[in-house]
């Protein structure tokens, strides 16, 4: 995405707000160093919504993975070509994945008639357009004062 990102996180040891603070702080520092940027880069606090069901996990993960092709102007023609996503790691599960990426949970949640493998999960994403709740205040955001 050009102006935001999506994460599906299971916070096991630390609370979500601490994880997001760390992620955003590290990204902000990297961005500031790379582009000599002085002001803040985030307009507001992150938006989080708890996912509390099997279908919810599949819906949110599929929505996140499909996002690059569901924009007004698709960012890629094929999801496996989008480099800023874990989708290519599901598409080709022979690729080494980072330790934090669990490629087993989502495939195990697939409904019948899908098989329980990563290619079937990819097919699920490609054939099932999803709607997931986004931050309802996106339209209300004002640009940062510089």
C-alpha atoms as a PDB file:
ATOM      1  CA  UNK A   1       0.000   0.000   0.000  1.00  0.00           C
ATOM      2  CA  UNK A   2       1.243   3.477  -0.665  1.00  0.00           C
ATOM      3  CA  UNK A   3       0.018   5.178   2.502  1.00  0.00           C
ATOM      4  CA  UNK A   4      -0.747   2.462   5.056  1.00  0.00           C
ATOM      5  CA  UNK A   5      -0.087  -1.147   5.913  1.00  0.00           C
ATOM      6  CA  UNK A   6      -2.013  -4.146   7.169  1.00  0.00           C
ATOM      7  CA  UNK A   7      -0.875  -6.694   9.731  1.00  0.00           C
ATOM      8  CA  UNK A   8      -2.557  -9.746  11.151  1.00  0.00           C
ATOM      9  CA  UNK A   9      -0.842 -10.343  14.479  1.00  0.00           C
ATOM     10  CA  UNK A  10      -1.332 -12.802  17.288  1.00  0.00           C
ATOM     11  CA  UNK A  11       0.151 -11.057  20.314  1.00  0.00           C
ATOM     12  CA  UNK A  12       1.296 -13.868  22.568  1.00  0.00           C
ATOM     13  CA  UNK A  13       3.865 -12.415  24.987  1.00  0.00           C
ATOM     14  CA  UNK A  14       3.525  -8.639  24.703  1.00  0.00           C
ATOM     15  CA  UNK A  15       0.408  -6.490  24.423  1.00  0.00           C
ATOM     16  CA  UNK A  16      -0.457  -5.290  20.938  1.00  0.00           C
ATOM     17  CA  UNK A  17       0.149  -1.617  21.742  1.00  0.00           C
ATOM     18  CA  UNK A  18       3.767  -2.388  22.669  1.00  0.00           C
ATOM     19  CA  UNK A  19       4.321  -4.381  19.484  1.00  0.00           C
ATOM     20  CA  UNK A  20       2.835  -1.635  17.321  1.00  0.00           C
ATOM     21  CA  UNK A  21       4.838   1.030  19.132  1.00  0.00           C
ATOM     22  CA  UNK A  22       8.032  -0.870  18.386  1.00  0.00           C
ATOM     23  CA  UNK A  23       7.121  -1.480  14.721  1.00  0.00           C
ATOM     24  CA  UNK A  24       6.122   2.127  14.123  1.00  0.00           C
ATOM     25  CA  UNK A  25       9.101   3.552  15.993  1.00  0.00           C
ATOM     26  CA  UNK A  26      11.597   1.457  14.029  1.00  0.00           C
ATOM     27  CA  UNK A  27       9.927   2.256  10.718  1.00  0.00           C
ATOM     28  CA  UNK A  28       9.789   5.980  11.539  1.00  0.00           C
ATOM     29  CA  UNK A  29      13.469   6.038  12.439  1.00  0.00           C
ATOM     30  CA  UNK A  30      14.412   4.193   9.250  1.00  0.00           C
ATOM     31  CA  UNK A  31      12.229   6.465   7.109  1.00  0.00           C
ATOM     32  CA  UNK A  32      13.594   9.629   8.765  1.00  0.00           C
ATOM     33  CA  UNK A  33      17.163   8.502   8.207  1.00  0.00           C
ATOM     34  CA  UNK A  34      16.614   7.428   4.609  1.00  0.00           C
ATOM     35  CA  UNK A  35      14.712  10.556   3.517  1.00  0.00           C
ATOM     36  CA  UNK A  36      16.067  13.117   6.022  1.00  0.00           C
ATOM     37  CA  UNK A  37      12.511  13.550   7.255  1.00  0.00           C
ATOM     38  CA  UNK A  38      11.972  15.576  10.440  1.00  0.00           C
ATOM     39  CA  UNK A  39       8.216  15.618  11.171  1.00  0.00           C
ATOM     40  CA  UNK A  40       6.049  12.699  12.175  1.00  0.00           C
ATOM     41  CA  UNK A  41       5.016  10.303   9.430  1.00  0.00           C
ATOM     42  CA  UNK A  42       1.870   8.863  11.026  1.00  0.00           C
ATOM     43  CA  UNK A  43      -1.282  10.941  11.146  1.00  0.00           C
ATOM     44  CA  UNK A  44      -2.871   9.012  13.980  1.00  0.00           C
ATOM     45  CA  UNK A  45      -2.717   5.930  16.171  1.00  0.00           C
ATOM     46  CA  UNK A  46      -3.029   2.507  14.556  1.00  0.00           C
ATOM     47  CA  UNK A  47      -6.449   0.944  14.084  1.00  0.00           C
ATOM     48  CA  UNK A  48      -6.938  -2.508  15.581  1.00  0.00           C
ATOM     49  CA  UNK A  49      -9.850  -4.900  15.600  1.00  0.00           C
ATOM     50  CA  UNK A  50      -9.865  -8.276  17.340  1.00  0.00           C
ATOM     51  CA  UNK A  51     -10.489 -11.293  15.140  1.00  0.00           C
ATOM     52  CA  UNK A  52     -12.289 -13.903  17.180  1.00  0.00           C
ATOM     53  CA  UNK A  53     -13.320 -16.708  14.826  1.00  0.00           C
ATOM     54  CA  UNK A  54     -11.965 -19.099  12.219  1.00  0.00           C
ATOM     55  CA  UNK A  55     -13.952 -17.406   9.461  1.00  0.00           C
ATOM     56  CA  UNK A  56     -12.793 -14.028  10.765  1.00  0.00           C
ATOM     57  CA  UNK A  57      -9.143 -15.036  10.435  1.00  0.00           C
ATOM     58  CA  UNK A  58      -9.679 -16.253   6.874  1.00  0.00           C
ATOM     59  CA  UNK A  59     -11.664 -13.143   5.969  1.00  0.00           C
ATOM     60  CA  UNK A  60      -9.082 -10.710   7.338  1.00  0.00           C
ATOM     61  CA  UNK A  61      -6.074 -12.576   5.950  1.00  0.00           C
ATOM     62  CA  UNK A  62      -7.670 -12.879   2.515  1.00  0.00           C
ATOM     63  CA  UNK A  63      -8.646  -9.201   2.574  1.00  0.00           C
ATOM     64  CA  UNK A  64      -5.073  -8.228   3.442  1.00  0.00           C
ATOM     65  CA  UNK A  65      -3.577 -10.471   0.775  1.00  0.00           C
ATOM     66  CA  UNK A  66      -6.043  -9.268  -1.901  1.00  0.00           C
ATOM     67  CA  UNK A  67      -5.604  -5.581  -1.076  1.00  0.00           C
ATOM     68  CA  UNK A  68      -2.964  -4.871  -3.783  1.00  0.00           C
ATOM     69  CA  UNK A  69      -5.378  -5.976  -6.537  1.00  0.00           C
ATOM     70  CA  UNK A  70      -8.564  -4.583  -4.998  1.00  0.00           C
ATOM     71  CA  UNK A  71      -7.429  -0.967  -5.055  1.00  0.00           C
ATOM     72  CA  UNK A  72      -8.941   1.458  -7.584  1.00  0.00           C
ATOM     73  CA  UNK A  73      -5.823   0.999  -9.670  1.00  0.00           C
ATOM     74  CA  UNK A  74      -4.398  -2.469  -8.975  1.00  0.00           C
ATOM     75  CA  UNK A  75      -0.787  -2.351  -7.832  1.00  0.00           C
ATOM     76  CA  UNK A  76       0.084  -5.675  -9.479  1.00  0.00           C
ATOM     77  CA  UNK A  77      -1.557  -8.013 -11.966  1.00  0.00           C
ATOM     78  CA  UNK A  78      -0.822 -11.101  -9.862  1.00  0.00           C
ATOM     79  CA  UNK A  79      -0.779 -11.265  -6.064  1.00  0.00           C
ATOM     80  CA  UNK A  80       2.330 -13.408  -5.935  1.00  0.00           C
ATOM     81  CA  UNK A  81       4.199 -10.536  -7.619  1.00  0.00           C
ATOM     82  CA  UNK A  82       3.507  -8.040  -4.814  1.00  0.00           C
ATOM     83  CA  UNK A  83       6.801  -7.938  -2.873  1.00  0.00           C
ATOM     84  CA  UNK A  84       5.487  -6.301   0.326  1.00  0.00           C
ATOM     85  CA  UNK A  85       3.211  -9.172   1.288  1.00  0.00           C
ATOM     86  CA  UNK A  86       3.493 -12.642   2.744  1.00  0.00           C
ATOM     87  CA  UNK A  87       1.307 -13.944  -0.110  1.00  0.00           C
ATOM     88  CA  UNK A  88       4.338 -14.945  -2.267  1.00  0.00           C
ATOM     89  CA  UNK A  89       5.546 -17.054   0.666  1.00  0.00           C
ATOM     90  CA  UNK A  90       2.246 -18.938   0.691  1.00  0.00           C
ATOM     91  CA  UNK A  91       2.263 -19.194  -3.129  1.00  0.00           C
ATOM     92  CA  UNK A  92       5.715 -20.790  -3.087  1.00  0.00           C
ATOM     93  CA  UNK A  93       6.010 -22.444   0.295  1.00  0.00           C
ATOM     94  CA  UNK A  94       9.446 -23.719  -0.706  1.00  0.00           C
ATOM     95  CA  UNK A  95      10.751 -20.202  -0.055  1.00  0.00           C
ATOM     96  CA  UNK A  96      12.255 -19.601   3.357  1.00  0.00           C
ATOM     97  CA  UNK A  97       9.888 -17.586   5.538  1.00  0.00           C
ATOM     98  CA  UNK A  98      10.781 -15.344   8.458  1.00  0.00           C
ATOM     99  CA  UNK A  99      10.467 -17.015  11.855  1.00  0.00           C
ATOM    100  CA  UNK A 100       7.466 -14.864  12.788  1.00  0.00           C
ATOM    101  CA  UNK A 101       5.348 -16.046   9.825  1.00  0.00           C
ATOM    102  CA  UNK A 102       3.118 -19.027  10.598  1.00  0.00           C
ATOM    103  CA  UNK A 103       2.120 -20.610   7.274  1.00  0.00           C
ATOM    104  CA  UNK A 104       0.202 -23.472   8.861  1.00  0.00           C
ATOM    105  CA  UNK A 105      -2.675 -21.863  10.765  1.00  0.00           C
ATOM    106  CA  UNK A 106      -4.573 -20.328   7.842  1.00  0.00           C
ATOM    107  CA  UNK A 107      -4.465 -23.445   5.680  1.00  0.00           C
ATOM    108  CA  UNK A 108      -5.839 -25.511   8.571  1.00  0.00           C
ATOM    109  CA  UNK A 109      -8.829 -23.139   8.817  1.00  0.00           C
ATOM    110  CA  UNK A 110      -9.909 -23.600   5.187  1.00  0.00           C
ATOM    111  CA  UNK A 111     -13.486 -24.825   4.733  1.00  0.00           C
ATOM    112  CA  UNK A 112     -14.474 -27.785   2.556  1.00  0.00           C
ATOM    113  CA  UNK A 113     -13.864 -28.430  -0.347  1.00  0.00           C
ATOM    114  CA  UNK A 114     -10.444 -26.773  -0.006  1.00  0.00           C
ATOM    115  CA  UNK A 115      -7.484 -28.985   0.792  1.00  0.00           C
ATOM    116  CA  UNK A 116      -5.370 -28.092   3.828  1.00  0.00           C
ATOM    117  CA  UNK A 117      -2.294 -26.738   2.034  1.00  0.00           C
ATOM    118  CA  UNK A 118      -0.832 -23.336   1.189  1.00  0.00           C
ATOM    119  CA  UNK A 119      -1.727 -23.480  -2.515  1.00  0.00           C
ATOM    120  CA  UNK A 120      -5.357 -24.111  -1.530  1.00  0.00           C
ATOM    121  CA  UNK A 121      -5.148 -21.096   0.795  1.00  0.00           C
ATOM    122  CA  UNK A 122      -3.874 -19.020  -2.134  1.00  0.00           C
ATOM    123  CA  UNK A 123      -6.765 -20.244  -4.293  1.00  0.00           C
ATOM    124  CA  UNK A 124      -9.144 -19.304  -1.473  1.00  0.00           C
ATOM    125  CA  UNK A 125      -7.715 -15.776  -1.460  1.00  0.00           C
ATOM    126  CA  UNK A 126      -7.858 -15.475  -5.234  1.00  0.00           C
ATOM    127  CA  UNK A 127     -11.456 -16.684  -5.515  1.00  0.00           C
ATOM    128  CA  UNK A 128     -13.014 -15.037  -2.453  1.00  0.00           C
ATOM    129  CA  UNK A 129     -13.120 -11.254  -2.423  1.00  0.00           C
ATOM    130  CA  UNK A 130     -13.518 -10.167   1.183  1.00  0.00           C
ATOM    131  CA  UNK A 131     -14.741  -7.118   3.015  1.00  0.00           C
ATOM    132  CA  UNK A 132     -12.993  -6.336   6.264  1.00  0.00           C
ATOM    133  CA  UNK A 133     -13.630  -3.392   8.528  1.00  0.00           C
ATOM    134  CA  UNK A 134     -11.097  -0.635   7.984  1.00  0.00           C
ATOM    135  CA  UNK A 135     -10.528   2.394  10.183  1.00  0.00           C
ATOM    136  CA  UNK A 136     -13.855   4.270   9.947  1.00  0.00           C
ATOM    137  CA  UNK A 137     -12.141   7.654  10.358  1.00  0.00           C
ATOM    138  CA  UNK A 138      -9.905   7.490   7.294  1.00  0.00           C
ATOM    139  CA  UNK A 139     -11.994  10.042   5.402  1.00  0.00           C
ATOM    140  CA  UNK A 140     -11.880  12.412   8.390  1.00  0.00           C
ATOM    141  CA  UNK A 141      -8.085  12.578   8.511  1.00  0.00           C
ATOM    142  CA  UNK A 142      -6.452  15.908   8.000  1.00  0.00           C
ATOM    143  CA  UNK A 143      -3.007  16.122   6.440  1.00  0.00           C
ATOM    144  CA  UNK A 144      -0.262  16.724   8.980  1.00  0.00           C
ATOM    145  CA  UNK A 145       0.666  20.323   9.651  1.00  0.00           C
ATOM    146  CA  UNK A 146       4.184  20.981   8.418  1.00  0.00           C
END
